[in-house]
C-alpha atoms as a PDB file:
ATOM      1  CA  MET A   1      -1.240   9.053  -4.860  1.00  0.00           C
ATOM      2  CA  ASN A   2      -0.403  10.087  -8.288  1.00  0.00           C
ATOM      3  CA  SER A   3       3.251   7.249  -9.217  1.00  0.00           C
ATOM      4  CA  SER A   4       3.386   4.817 -11.018  1.00  0.00           C
ATOM      5  CA  ALA A   5       7.232   4.892  -8.528  1.00  0.00           C
ATOM      6  CA  TRP A   6       6.400   2.305  -4.924  1.00  0.00           C
ATOM      7  CA  GLN A   7       6.717   4.532  -2.509  1.00  0.00           C
ATOM      8  CA  LYS A   8       7.674   3.142   0.428  1.00  0.00           C
ATOM      9  CA  SER A   9       5.828   3.075   4.345  1.00  0.00           C
ATOM     10  CA  SER A  10       6.630   5.508   6.262  1.00  0.00           C
ATOM     11  CA  TYR A  11       6.246   3.826   8.948  1.00  0.00           C
ATOM     12  CA  SER A  12       9.169   0.975   7.802  1.00  0.00           C
ATOM     13  CA  GLY A  13      11.561   3.646   8.366  1.00  0.00           C
ATOM     14  CA  SER A  14      15.081   2.129   7.656  1.00  0.00           C
ATOM     15  CA  ASN A  15      13.873  -1.080   7.861  1.00  0.00           C
ATOM     16  CA  ASP A  16      13.660  -2.979   4.433  1.00  0.00           C
ATOM     17  CA  GLU A  17      11.092  -5.151   4.847  1.00  0.00           C
ATOM     18  CA  CYS A  18       7.957  -3.426   4.401  1.00  0.00           C
ATOM     19  CA  VAL A  19       4.980  -2.689   2.771  1.00  0.00           C
ATOM     20  CA  GLU A  20       4.959  -0.554  -0.920  1.00  0.00           C
ATOM     21  CA  ALA A  21       1.745   1.391  -2.691  1.00  0.00           C
ATOM     22  CA  ARG A  22       1.715   2.309  -6.037  1.00  0.00           C
ATOM     23  CA  SER A  23      -0.579   4.618  -8.421  1.00  0.00           C
ATOM     24  CA  ILE A  24      -0.954   2.935 -11.887  1.00  0.00           C
ATOM     25  CA  ASP A  25      -3.948   2.774 -14.721  1.00  0.00           C
ATOM     26  CA  GLY A  26      -6.569   4.173 -11.750  1.00  0.00           C
ATOM     27  CA  LEU A  27      -5.399   1.153  -9.693  1.00  0.00           C
ATOM     28  CA  VAL A  28      -3.505   1.291  -6.385  1.00  0.00           C
ATOM     29  CA  GLU A  29      -0.560  -1.388  -6.043  1.00  0.00           C
ATOM     30  CA  ILE A  30       0.495  -2.789  -2.437  1.00  0.00           C
ATOM     31  CA  ARG A  31       3.167  -5.095  -2.618  1.00  0.00           C
ATOM     32  CA  GLU A  32       5.609  -6.877   0.446  1.00  0.00           C
ATOM     33  CA  SER A  33       8.964  -5.497  -0.586  1.00  0.00           C
ATOM     34  CA  ASP A  34      10.419  -8.581   0.449  1.00  0.00           C
ATOM     35  CA  GLU A  35       7.928 -10.598  -1.696  1.00  0.00           C
ATOM     36  CA  GLY A  36       7.899  -7.842  -4.699  1.00  0.00           C
ATOM     37  CA  ASP A  37       6.112 -10.711  -6.685  1.00  0.00           C
ATOM     38  CA  VAL A  38       3.176 -10.744  -5.100  1.00  0.00           C
ATOM     39  CA  ILE A  39       1.080  -7.630  -5.840  1.00  0.00           C
ATOM     40  CA  ILE A  40      -2.943  -6.540  -4.093  1.00  0.00           C
ATOM     41  CA  ARG A  41      -4.148  -4.202  -6.381  1.00  0.00           C
ATOM     42  CA  THR A  42      -7.362  -2.377  -5.945  1.00  0.00           C
ATOM     43  CA  THR A  43      -9.307   1.036  -6.558  1.00  0.00           C
ATOM     44  CA  PRO A  44      -8.492   4.283  -4.654  1.00  0.00           C
ATOM     45  CA  LEU A  45     -11.570   3.559  -3.061  1.00  0.00           C
ATOM     46  CA  LYS A  46     -11.764   0.109  -1.721  1.00  0.00           C
ATOM     47  CA  PHE A  47      -7.993   1.660  -0.963  1.00  0.00           C
ATOM     48  CA  ALA A  48      -9.052   4.572   1.304  1.00  0.00           C
ATOM     49  CA  ASP A  49     -12.015   2.842   2.820  1.00  0.00           C
ATOM     50  CA  PHE A  50      -9.784   0.189   4.322  1.00  0.00           C
ATOM     51  CA  LEU A  51      -6.987   2.376   5.721  1.00  0.00           C
ATOM     52  CA  GLN A  52     -10.139   4.275   7.956  1.00  0.00           C
ATOM     53  CA  GLY A  53     -10.707   1.226   9.109  1.00  0.00           C
ATOM     54  CA  ALA A  54      -6.791   0.338  10.249  1.00  0.00           C
ATOM     55  CA  LYS A  55      -6.643   3.879  11.521  1.00  0.00           C
ATOM     56  CA  ALA A  56      -9.724   3.256  13.367  1.00  0.00           C
ATOM     57  CA  GLY A  57      -8.727  -0.692  14.555  1.00  0.00           C
ATOM     58  CA  GLU A  58     -11.019  -2.215  12.743  1.00  0.00           C
ATOM     59  CA  PHE A  59      -8.428  -5.151  12.362  1.00  0.00           C
ATOM     60  CA  ASP A  60      -7.253  -4.673  15.885  1.00  0.00           C
END
């Protein structure tokens, strides 16, 4: 991810309530589209670790 534009989750389809992410200033920012003023910032490595954990079911 190398864009400062918000990218919507592909799982959201046409739904307006979704997770959005972007890369800016070397960090990854994540927000909920309906709560756009609340932004989580993390490093690309920590974000990749989180995604791997989610895919592996660690948070189920």
